[in-house]
PDB file of N, CA and C in Angstrom:
ATOM      1  N   MET A   1     -17.816  11.411   4.222  1.00  0.00           N
ATOM      2  CA  MET A   1     -17.138  11.568   2.954  1.00  0.00           C
ATOM      3  C   MET A   1     -16.916  13.058   2.704  1.00  0.00           C
ATOM      4  N   ILE A   2     -15.724  13.382   2.192  1.00  0.00           N
ATOM      5  CA  ILE A   2     -15.360  14.752   1.867  1.00  0.00           C
ATOM      6  C   ILE A   2     -14.908  14.793   0.411  1.00  0.00           C
ATOM      7  N   ALA A   3     -15.333  15.816  -0.309  1.00  0.00           N
ATOM      8  CA  ALA A   3     -14.887  16.007  -1.690  1.00  0.00           C
ATOM      9  C   ALA A   3     -14.452  17.457  -1.867  1.00  0.00           C
ATOM     10  N   LYS A   4     -13.350  17.644  -2.586  1.00  0.00           N
ATOM     11  CA  LYS A   4     -12.855  18.991  -2.881  1.00  0.00           C
ATOM     12  C   LYS A   4     -12.448  19.047  -4.345  1.00  0.00           C
ATOM     13  N   GLN A   5     -12.644  20.218  -4.932  1.00  0.00           N
ATOM     14  CA  GLN A   5     -12.297  20.404  -6.335  1.00  0.00           C
ATOM     15  C   GLN A   5     -11.065  21.297  -6.433  1.00  0.00           C
ATOM     16  N   TYR A   6     -10.211  20.989  -7.415  1.00  0.00           N
ATOM     17  CA  TYR A   6      -8.958  21.709  -7.612  1.00  0.00           C
ATOM     18  C   TYR A   6      -8.775  22.046  -9.082  1.00  0.00           C
ATOM     19  N   LYS A   7      -7.967  23.092  -9.326  1.00  0.00           N
ATOM     20  CA  LYS A   7      -7.632  23.487 -10.696  1.00  0.00           C
ATOM     21  C   LYS A   7      -6.125  23.369 -10.873  1.00  0.00           C
ATOM     22  N   VAL A   8      -5.706  22.672 -11.928  1.00  0.00           N
ATOM     23  CA  VAL A   8      -4.297  22.463 -12.210  1.00  0.00           C
ATOM     24  C   VAL A   8      -3.701  23.775 -12.723  1.00  0.00           C
ATOM     25  N   THR A   9      -2.557  24.166 -12.141  1.00  0.00           N
ATOM     26  CA  THR A   9      -1.905  25.417 -12.536  1.00  0.00           C
ATOM     27  C   THR A   9      -0.496  25.188 -13.068  1.00  0.00           C
ATOM     28  N   MET A  10      -0.092  23.952 -13.231  1.00  0.00           N
ATOM     29  CA  MET A  10       1.246  23.684 -13.764  1.00  0.00           C
ATOM     30  C   MET A  10       1.152  23.432 -15.263  1.00  0.00           C
ATOM     31  N   SER A  11       2.231  23.743 -15.970  1.00  0.00           N
ATOM     32  CA  SER A  11       2.170  23.624 -17.423  1.00  0.00           C
ATOM     33  C   SER A  11       2.781  22.333 -17.953  1.00  0.00           C
ATOM     34  N   SER A  12       3.528  21.620 -17.140  1.00  0.00           N
ATOM     35  CA  SER A  12       4.152  20.378 -17.616  1.00  0.00           C
ATOM     36  C   SER A  12       3.197  19.199 -17.443  1.00  0.00           C
ATOM     37  N   GLY A  13       3.633  18.013 -17.834  1.00  0.00           N
ATOM     38  CA  GLY A  13       2.805  16.812 -17.760  1.00  0.00           C
ATOM     39  C   GLY A  13       2.391  16.447 -16.351  1.00  0.00           C
ATOM     40  N   PHE A  14       1.553  15.440 -16.246  1.00  0.00           N
ATOM     41  CA  PHE A  14       0.966  15.069 -14.961  1.00  0.00           C
ATOM     42  C   PHE A  14       1.600  13.806 -14.364  1.00  0.00           C
ATOM     43  N   ALA A  15       2.748  13.346 -14.880  1.00  0.00           N
ATOM     44  CA  ALA A  15       3.379  12.126 -14.370  1.00  0.00           C
ATOM     45  C   ALA A  15       3.852  12.288 -12.922  1.00  0.00           C
ATOM     46  N   ARG A  16       4.562  13.342 -12.645  1.00  0.00           N
ATOM     47  CA  ARG A  16       5.036  13.559 -11.269  1.00  0.00           C
ATOM     48  C   ARG A  16       3.890  13.780 -10.297  1.00  0.00           C
ATOM     49  N   PRO A  17       2.902  14.609 -10.649  1.00  0.00           N
ATOM     50  CA  PRO A  17       1.763  14.745  -9.743  1.00  0.00           C
ATOM     51  C   PRO A  17       1.031  13.424  -9.505  1.00  0.00           C
ATOM     52  N   ALA A  18       0.928  12.589 -10.533  1.00  0.00           N
ATOM     53  CA  ALA A  18       0.257  11.295 -10.365  1.00  0.00           C
ATOM     54  C   ALA A  18       0.994  10.453  -9.340  1.00  0.00           C
ATOM     55  N   THR A  19       2.309  10.419  -9.443  1.00  0.00           N
ATOM     56  CA  THR A  19       3.126   9.659  -8.496  1.00  0.00           C
ATOM     57  C   THR A  19       2.973  10.223  -7.093  1.00  0.00           C
ATOM     58  N   LEU A  20       2.999  11.543  -6.966  1.00  0.00           N
ATOM     59  CA  LEU A  20       2.841  12.196  -5.673  1.00  0.00           C
ATOM     60  C   LEU A  20       1.486  11.879  -5.055  1.00  0.00           C
ATOM     61  N   LEU A  21       0.424  11.983  -5.852  1.00  0.00           N
ATOM     62  CA  LEU A  21      -0.919  11.698  -5.349  1.00  0.00           C
ATOM     63  C   LEU A  21      -1.030  10.284  -4.793  1.00  0.00           C
ATOM     64  N   VAL A  22      -0.533   9.323  -5.528  1.00  0.00           N
ATOM     65  CA  VAL A  22      -0.623   7.919  -5.104  1.00  0.00           C
ATOM     66  C   VAL A  22       0.237   7.676  -3.865  1.00  0.00           C
ATOM     67  N   ARG A  23       1.441   8.219  -3.869  1.00  0.00           N
ATOM     68  CA  ARG A  23       2.344   8.016  -2.728  1.00  0.00           C
ATOM     69  C   ARG A  23       1.742   8.579  -1.444  1.00  0.00           C
ATOM     70  N   VAL A  24       1.195   9.789  -1.504  1.00  0.00           N
ATOM     71  CA  VAL A  24       0.611  10.405  -0.307  1.00  0.00           C
ATOM     72  C   VAL A  24      -0.688   9.702   0.086  1.00  0.00           C
ATOM     73  N   ALA A  25      -1.518   9.341  -0.882  1.00  0.00           N
ATOM     74  CA  ALA A  25      -2.792   8.671  -0.570  1.00  0.00           C
ATOM     75  C   ALA A  25      -2.564   7.356   0.170  1.00  0.00           C
ATOM     76  N   CYS A  26      -1.498   6.657  -0.170  1.00  0.00           N
ATOM     77  CA  CYS A  26      -1.229   5.354   0.448  1.00  0.00           C
ATOM     78  C   CYS A  26      -0.845   5.447   1.924  1.00  0.00           C
ATOM     79  N   ILE A  27      -0.565   6.636   2.401  1.00  0.00           N
ATOM     80  CA  ILE A  27      -0.230   6.836   3.818  1.00  0.00           C
ATOM     81  C   ILE A  27      -1.469   6.676   4.696  1.00  0.00           C
ATOM     82  N   PHE A  28      -2.625   6.964   4.135  1.00  0.00           N
ATOM     83  CA  PHE A  28      -3.862   7.032   4.913  1.00  0.00           C
ATOM     84  C   PHE A  28      -4.713   5.783   4.757  1.00  0.00           C
ATOM     85  N   THR A  29      -5.592   5.571   5.730  1.00  0.00           N
ATOM     86  CA  THR A  29      -6.473   4.405   5.691  1.00  0.00           C
ATOM     87  C   THR A  29      -7.758   4.680   4.907  1.00  0.00           C
ATOM     88  N   SER A  30      -8.113   5.942   4.757  1.00  0.00           N
ATOM     89  CA  SER A  30      -9.337   6.301   4.031  1.00  0.00           C
ATOM     90  C   SER A  30      -9.247   5.897   2.572  1.00  0.00           C
ATOM     91  N   LYS A  31     -10.404   5.666   1.978  1.00  0.00           N
ATOM     92  CA  LYS A  31     -10.487   5.460   0.533  1.00  0.00           C
ATOM     93  C   LYS A  31     -10.361   6.841  -0.109  1.00  0.00           C
ATOM     94  N   ILE A  32      -9.512   6.946  -1.136  1.00  0.00           N
ATOM     95  CA  ILE A  32      -9.281   8.235  -1.780  1.00  0.00           C
ATOM     96  C   ILE A  32      -9.377   8.053  -3.289  1.00  0.00           C
ATOM     97  N   TYR A  33     -10.203   8.886  -3.900  1.00  0.00           N
ATOM     98  CA  TYR A  33     -10.445   8.800  -5.344  1.00  0.00           C
ATOM     99  C   TYR A  33     -10.198  10.145  -6.009  1.00  0.00           C
ATOM    100  N   LEU A  34      -9.646  10.106  -7.205  1.00  0.00           N
ATOM    101  CA  LEU A  34      -9.515  11.275  -8.053  1.00  0.00           C
ATOM    102  C   LEU A  34     -10.567  11.139  -9.140  1.00  0.00           C
ATOM    103  N   GLU A  35     -11.336  12.201  -9.356  1.00  0.00           N
ATOM    104  CA  GLU A  35     -12.372  12.187 -10.380  1.00  0.00           C
ATOM    105  C   GLU A  35     -12.092  13.279 -11.399  1.00  0.00           C
ATOM    106  N   TYR A  36     -12.185  12.914 -12.682  1.00  0.00           N
ATOM    107  CA  TYR A  36     -11.912  13.850 -13.771  1.00  0.00           C
ATOM    108  C   TYR A  36     -12.761  13.473 -14.975  1.00  0.00           C
ATOM    109  N   LYS A  37     -13.538  14.423 -15.442  1.00  0.00           N
ATOM    110  CA  LYS A  37     -14.397  14.235 -16.612  1.00  0.00           C
ATOM    111  C   LYS A  37     -15.214  12.947 -16.547  1.00  0.00           C
ATOM    112  N   GLY A  38     -15.822  12.703 -15.401  1.00  0.00           N
ATOM    113  CA  GLY A  38     -16.699  11.553 -15.240  1.00  0.00           C
ATOM    114  C   GLY A  38     -16.005  10.236 -14.970  1.00  0.00           C
ATOM    115  N   LYS A  39     -14.681  10.235 -14.904  1.00  0.00           N
ATOM    116  CA  LYS A  39     -13.939   9.006 -14.614  1.00  0.00           C
ATOM    117  C   LYS A  39     -13.341   9.103 -13.223  1.00  0.00           C
ATOM    118  N   SER A  40     -13.278   7.971 -12.534  1.00  0.00           N
ATOM    119  CA  SER A  40     -12.775   7.920 -11.169  1.00  0.00           C
ATOM    120  C   SER A  40     -11.621   6.928 -11.066  1.00  0.00           C
ATOM    121  N   VAL A  41     -10.579   7.332 -10.321  1.00  0.00           N
ATOM    122  CA  VAL A  41      -9.408   6.485 -10.123  1.00  0.00           C
ATOM    123  C   VAL A  41      -9.189   6.310  -8.625  1.00  0.00           C
ATOM    124  N   ASP A  42      -9.049   5.053  -8.201  1.00  0.00           N
ATOM    125  CA  ASP A  42      -8.718   4.733  -6.818  1.00  0.00           C
ATOM    126  C   ASP A  42      -7.231   4.993  -6.636  1.00  0.00           C
ATOM    127  N   LEU A  43      -6.880   5.997  -5.825  1.00  0.00           N
ATOM    128  CA  LEU A  43      -5.476   6.366  -5.645  1.00  0.00           C
ATOM    129  C   LEU A  43      -4.703   5.394  -4.771  1.00  0.00           C
ATOM    130  N   LYS A  44      -5.375   4.442  -4.183  1.00  0.00           N
ATOM    131  CA  LYS A  44      -4.704   3.499  -3.289  1.00  0.00           C
ATOM    132  C   LYS A  44      -4.476   2.141  -3.941  1.00  0.00           C
ATOM    133  N   ASN A  45      -4.542   2.092  -5.261  1.00  0.00           N
ATOM    134  CA  ASN A  45      -4.347   0.854  -6.001  1.00  0.00           C
ATOM    135  C   ASN A  45      -3.003   0.912  -6.740  1.00  0.00           C
ATOM    136  N   SER A  46      -1.973   1.300  -6.002  1.00  0.00           N
ATOM    137  CA  SER A  46      -0.633   1.474  -6.574  1.00  0.00           C
ATOM    138  C   SER A  46      -0.090   0.132  -7.036  1.00  0.00           C
ATOM    139  N   PRO A  47       0.680   0.033  -8.098  1.00  0.00           N
ATOM    140  CA  PRO A  47       1.143   1.079  -9.015  1.00  0.00           C
ATOM    141  C   PRO A  47       0.179   1.348 -10.164  1.00  0.00           C
ATOM    142  N   GLU A  48      -0.875   0.582 -10.290  1.00  0.00           N
ATOM    143  CA  GLU A  48      -1.834   0.800 -11.368  1.00  0.00           C
ATOM    144  C   GLU A  48      -2.439   2.202 -11.305  1.00  0.00           C
ATOM    145  N   SER A  49      -2.580   2.739 -10.095  1.00  0.00           N
ATOM    146  CA  SER A  49      -3.176   4.065  -9.924  1.00  0.00           C
ATOM    147  C   SER A  49      -2.398   5.136 -10.666  1.00  0.00           C
ATOM    148  N   ILE A  50      -1.079   5.039 -10.653  1.00  0.00           N
ATOM    149  CA  ILE A  50      -0.259   6.037 -11.323  1.00  0.00           C
ATOM    150  C   ILE A  50      -0.589   6.055 -12.813  1.00  0.00           C
ATOM    151  N   MET A  51      -0.624   4.906 -13.417  1.00  0.00           N
ATOM    152  CA  MET A  51      -0.952   4.814 -14.846  1.00  0.00           C
ATOM    153  C   MET A  51      -2.391   5.250 -15.115  1.00  0.00           C
ATOM    154  N   ASP A  52      -3.296   4.887 -14.208  1.00  0.00           N
ATOM    155  CA  ASP A  52      -4.707   5.284 -14.371  1.00  0.00           C
ATOM    156  C   ASP A  52      -4.854   6.803 -14.334  1.00  0.00           C
ATOM    157  N   VAL A  53      -4.163   7.453 -13.393  1.00  0.00           N
ATOM    158  CA  VAL A  53      -4.231   8.919 -13.297  1.00  0.00           C
ATOM    159  C   VAL A  53      -3.639   9.544 -14.548  1.00  0.00           C
ATOM    160  N   MET A  54      -2.498   9.054 -14.988  1.00  0.00           N
ATOM    161  CA  MET A  54      -1.861   9.606 -16.182  1.00  0.00           C
ATOM    162  C   MET A  54      -2.730   9.417 -17.422  1.00  0.00           C
ATOM    163  N   SER A  55      -3.463   8.316 -17.485  1.00  0.00           N
ATOM    164  CA  SER A  55      -4.303   8.046 -18.657  1.00  0.00           C
ATOM    165  C   SER A  55      -5.509   8.987 -18.745  1.00  0.00           C
ATOM    166  N   LEU A  56      -5.814   9.705 -17.681  1.00  0.00           N
ATOM    167  CA  LEU A  56      -6.935  10.647 -17.704  1.00  0.00           C
ATOM    168  C   LEU A  56      -6.643  11.867 -18.570  1.00  0.00           C
ATOM    169  N   GLY A  57      -5.370  12.156 -18.794  1.00  0.00           N
ATOM    170  CA  GLY A  57      -5.009  13.296 -19.637  1.00  0.00           C
ATOM    171  C   GLY A  57      -5.259  14.641 -18.989  1.00  0.00           C
ATOM    172  N   ILE A  58      -5.033  14.746 -17.701  1.00  0.00           N
ATOM    173  CA  ILE A  58      -5.236  16.008 -16.985  1.00  0.00           C
ATOM    174  C   ILE A  58      -4.208  17.027 -17.475  1.00  0.00           C
ATOM    175  N   GLU A  59      -4.692  18.217 -17.853  1.00  0.00           N
ATOM    176  CA  GLU A  59      -3.840  19.258 -18.413  1.00  0.00           C
ATOM    177  C   GLU A  59      -3.927  20.537 -17.590  1.00  0.00           C
ATOM    178  N   ASN A  60      -3.015  21.454 -17.884  1.00  0.00           N
ATOM    179  CA  ASN A  60      -3.015  22.754 -17.240  1.00  0.00           C
ATOM    180  C   ASN A  60      -4.372  23.427 -17.448  1.00  0.00           C
ATOM    181  N   GLY A  61      -4.914  23.975 -16.385  1.00  0.00           N
ATOM    182  CA  GLY A  61      -6.212  24.644 -16.442  1.00  0.00           C
ATOM    183  C   GLY A  61      -7.393  23.726 -16.197  1.00  0.00           C
ATOM    184  N   SER A  62      -7.148  22.409 -16.196  1.00  0.00           N
ATOM    185  CA  SER A  62      -8.219  21.436 -15.951  1.00  0.00           C
ATOM    186  C   SER A  62      -8.613  21.435 -14.478  1.00  0.00           C
ATOM    187  N   GLU A  63      -9.844  21.030 -14.234  1.00  0.00           N
ATOM    188  CA  GLU A  63     -10.319  20.870 -12.860  1.00  0.00           C
ATOM    189  C   GLU A  63     -10.562  19.396 -12.581  1.00  0.00           C
ATOM    190  N   PHE A  64     -10.190  18.969 -11.377  1.00  0.00           N
ATOM    191  CA  PHE A  64     -10.430  17.606 -10.933  1.00  0.00           C
ATOM    192  C   PHE A  64     -10.865  17.659  -9.483  1.00  0.00           C
ATOM    193  N   SER A  65     -11.434  16.572  -9.001  1.00  0.00           N
ATOM    194  CA  SER A  65     -11.824  16.536  -7.598  1.00  0.00           C
ATOM    195  C   SER A  65     -11.208  15.322  -6.917  1.00  0.00           C
ATOM    196  N   LEU A  66     -10.998  15.480  -5.634  1.00  0.00           N
ATOM    197  CA  LEU A  66     -10.536  14.387  -4.785  1.00  0.00           C
ATOM    198  C   LEU A  66     -11.620  14.110  -3.766  1.00  0.00           C
ATOM    199  N   THR A  67     -11.891  12.837  -3.547  1.00  0.00           N
ATOM    200  CA  THR A  67     -12.881  12.408  -2.572  1.00  0.00           C
ATOM    201  C   THR A  67     -12.212  11.453  -1.607  1.00  0.00           C
ATOM    202  N   ALA A  68     -12.457  11.666  -0.326  1.00  0.00           N
ATOM    203  CA  ALA A  68     -11.902  10.780   0.699  1.00  0.00           C
ATOM    204  C   ALA A  68     -13.025  10.345   1.619  1.00  0.00           C
ATOM    205  N   GLU A  69     -12.960   9.083   2.021  1.00  0.00           N
ATOM    206  CA  GLU A  69     -13.965   8.537   2.939  1.00  0.00           C
ATOM    207  C   GLU A  69     -13.273   7.595   3.902  1.00  0.00           C
ATOM    208  N   GLY A  70     -13.374   7.912   5.195  1.00  0.00           N
ATOM    209  CA  GLY A  70     -12.771   7.064   6.213  1.00  0.00           C
ATOM    210  C   GLY A  70     -12.419   7.863   7.452  1.00  0.00           C
ATOM    211  N   VAL A  71     -11.779   7.197   8.387  1.00  0.00           N
ATOM    212  CA  VAL A  71     -11.488   7.811   9.686  1.00  0.00           C
ATOM    213  C   VAL A  71     -10.529   8.989   9.598  1.00  0.00           C
ATOM    214  N   ASP A  72      -9.626   8.984   8.629  1.00  0.00           N
ATOM    215  CA  ASP A  72      -8.662  10.076   8.500  1.00  0.00           C
ATOM    216  C   ASP A  72      -8.876  10.888   7.224  1.00  0.00           C
ATOM    217  N   GLN A  73     -10.126  10.959   6.772  1.00  0.00           N
ATOM    218  CA  GLN A  73     -10.445  11.604   5.498  1.00  0.00           C
ATOM    219  C   GLN A  73     -10.036  13.076   5.450  1.00  0.00           C
ATOM    220  N   LEU A  74     -10.289  13.825   6.510  1.00  0.00           N
ATOM    221  CA  LEU A  74      -9.945  15.244   6.530  1.00  0.00           C
ATOM    222  C   LEU A  74      -8.434  15.432   6.470  1.00  0.00           C
ATOM    223  N   GLN A  75      -7.735  14.691   7.284  1.00  0.00           N
ATOM    224  CA  GLN A  75      -6.273  14.774   7.299  1.00  0.00           C
ATOM    225  C   GLN A  75      -5.697  14.369   5.941  1.00  0.00           C
ATOM    226  N   ALA A  76      -6.282  13.364   5.324  1.00  0.00           N
ATOM    227  CA  ALA A  76      -5.801  12.894   4.021  1.00  0.00           C
ATOM    228  C   ALA A  76      -5.909  13.991   2.972  1.00  0.00           C
ATOM    229  N   LEU A  77      -7.084  14.606   2.849  1.00  0.00           N
ATOM    230  CA  LEU A  77      -7.261  15.648   1.838  1.00  0.00           C
ATOM    231  C   LEU A  77      -6.413  16.883   2.135  1.00  0.00           C
ATOM    232  N   GLU A  78      -6.281  17.234   3.410  1.00  0.00           N
ATOM    233  CA  GLU A  78      -5.448  18.381   3.767  1.00  0.00           C
ATOM    234  C   GLU A  78      -3.986  18.125   3.410  1.00  0.00           C
ATOM    235  N   THR A  79      -3.500  16.931   3.698  1.00  0.00           N
ATOM    236  CA  THR A  79      -2.114  16.592   3.396  1.00  0.00           C
ATOM    237  C   THR A  79      -1.864  16.574   1.896  1.00  0.00           C
ATOM    238  N   ILE A  80      -2.760  15.956   1.151  1.00  0.00           N
ATOM    239  CA  ILE A  80      -2.618  15.913  -0.306  1.00  0.00           C
ATOM    240  C   ILE A  80      -2.659  17.333  -0.878  1.00  0.00           C
ATOM    241  N   GLU A  81      -3.599  18.135  -0.424  1.00  0.00           N
ATOM    242  CA  GLU A  81      -3.707  19.514  -0.905  1.00  0.00           C
ATOM    243  C   GLU A  81      -2.425  20.291  -0.614  1.00  0.00           C
ATOM    244  N   ASN A  82      -1.897  20.168   0.586  1.00  0.00           N
ATOM    245  CA  ASN A  82      -0.664  20.867   0.948  1.00  0.00           C
ATOM    246  C   ASN A  82       0.494  20.452   0.055  1.00  0.00           C
ATOM    247  N   CYS A  83       0.598  19.177  -0.241  1.00  0.00           N
ATOM    248  CA  CYS A  83       1.656  18.684  -1.130  1.00  0.00           C
ATOM    249  C   CYS A  83       1.500  19.242  -2.543  1.00  0.00           C
ATOM    250  N   LEU A  84       0.280  19.276  -3.052  1.00  0.00           N
ATOM    251  CA  LEU A  84       0.029  19.799  -4.398  1.00  0.00           C
ATOM    252  C   LEU A  84       0.321  21.294  -4.487  1.00  0.00           C
ATOM    253  N   VAL A  85      -0.007  22.035  -3.441  1.00  0.00           N
ATOM    254  CA  VAL A  85       0.281  23.475  -3.415  1.00  0.00           C
ATOM    255  C   VAL A  85       1.792  23.693  -3.330  1.00  0.00           C
ATOM    256  N   LYS A  86       2.444  22.947  -2.465  1.00  0.00           N
ATOM    257  CA  LYS A  86       3.897  23.080  -2.283  1.00  0.00           C
ATOM    258  C   LYS A  86       4.653  22.815  -3.581  1.00  0.00           C
ATOM    259  N   LYS A  87       4.193  21.858  -4.360  1.00  0.00           N
ATOM    260  CA  LYS A  87       4.833  21.506  -5.635  1.00  0.00           C
ATOM    261  C   LYS A  87       4.319  22.363  -6.794  1.00  0.00           C
ATOM    262  N   LYS A  88       3.455  23.335  -6.488  1.00  0.00           N
ATOM    263  CA  LYS A  88       2.895  24.274  -7.468  1.00  0.00           C
ATOM    264  C   LYS A  88       2.100  23.592  -8.571  1.00  0.00           C
ATOM    265  N   ILE A  89       1.397  22.523  -8.181  1.00  0.00           N
ATOM    266  CA  ILE A  89       0.530  21.817  -9.113  1.00  0.00           C
ATOM    267  C   ILE A  89      -0.850  22.456  -9.133  1.00  0.00           C
ATOM    268  N   ILE A  90      -1.248  22.960  -7.951  1.00  0.00           N
ATOM    269  CA  ILE A  90      -2.503  23.713  -7.797  1.00  0.00           C
ATOM    270  C   ILE A  90      -2.201  24.972  -6.991  1.00  0.00           C
ATOM    271  N   LYS A  91      -3.144  25.895  -6.980  1.00  0.00           N
ATOM    272  CA  LYS A  91      -3.008  27.094  -6.125  1.00  0.00           C
ATOM    273  C   LYS A  91      -3.962  27.003  -4.987  1.00  0.00           C
TER     274      LYS A  91
END
């Protein structure tokens, strides 16, 4: 299992990032969870995952963590991180 923490650096809402997170997570076989303020969302339970992530109320400057567990866990977190950096959601 791998867990990494990130800080949101975008100022707009989290709807697009939620969609991106779920779409990319579904590519991998590993279990992938987003954790924020003690709540955890399974990113592979689309489309409910998108609404679950949005309901967390993640805002600019907030910190969240992603946890992956499975055969492609490292690749999953690296790919998700690269997508979030590319879209300027995190630094």
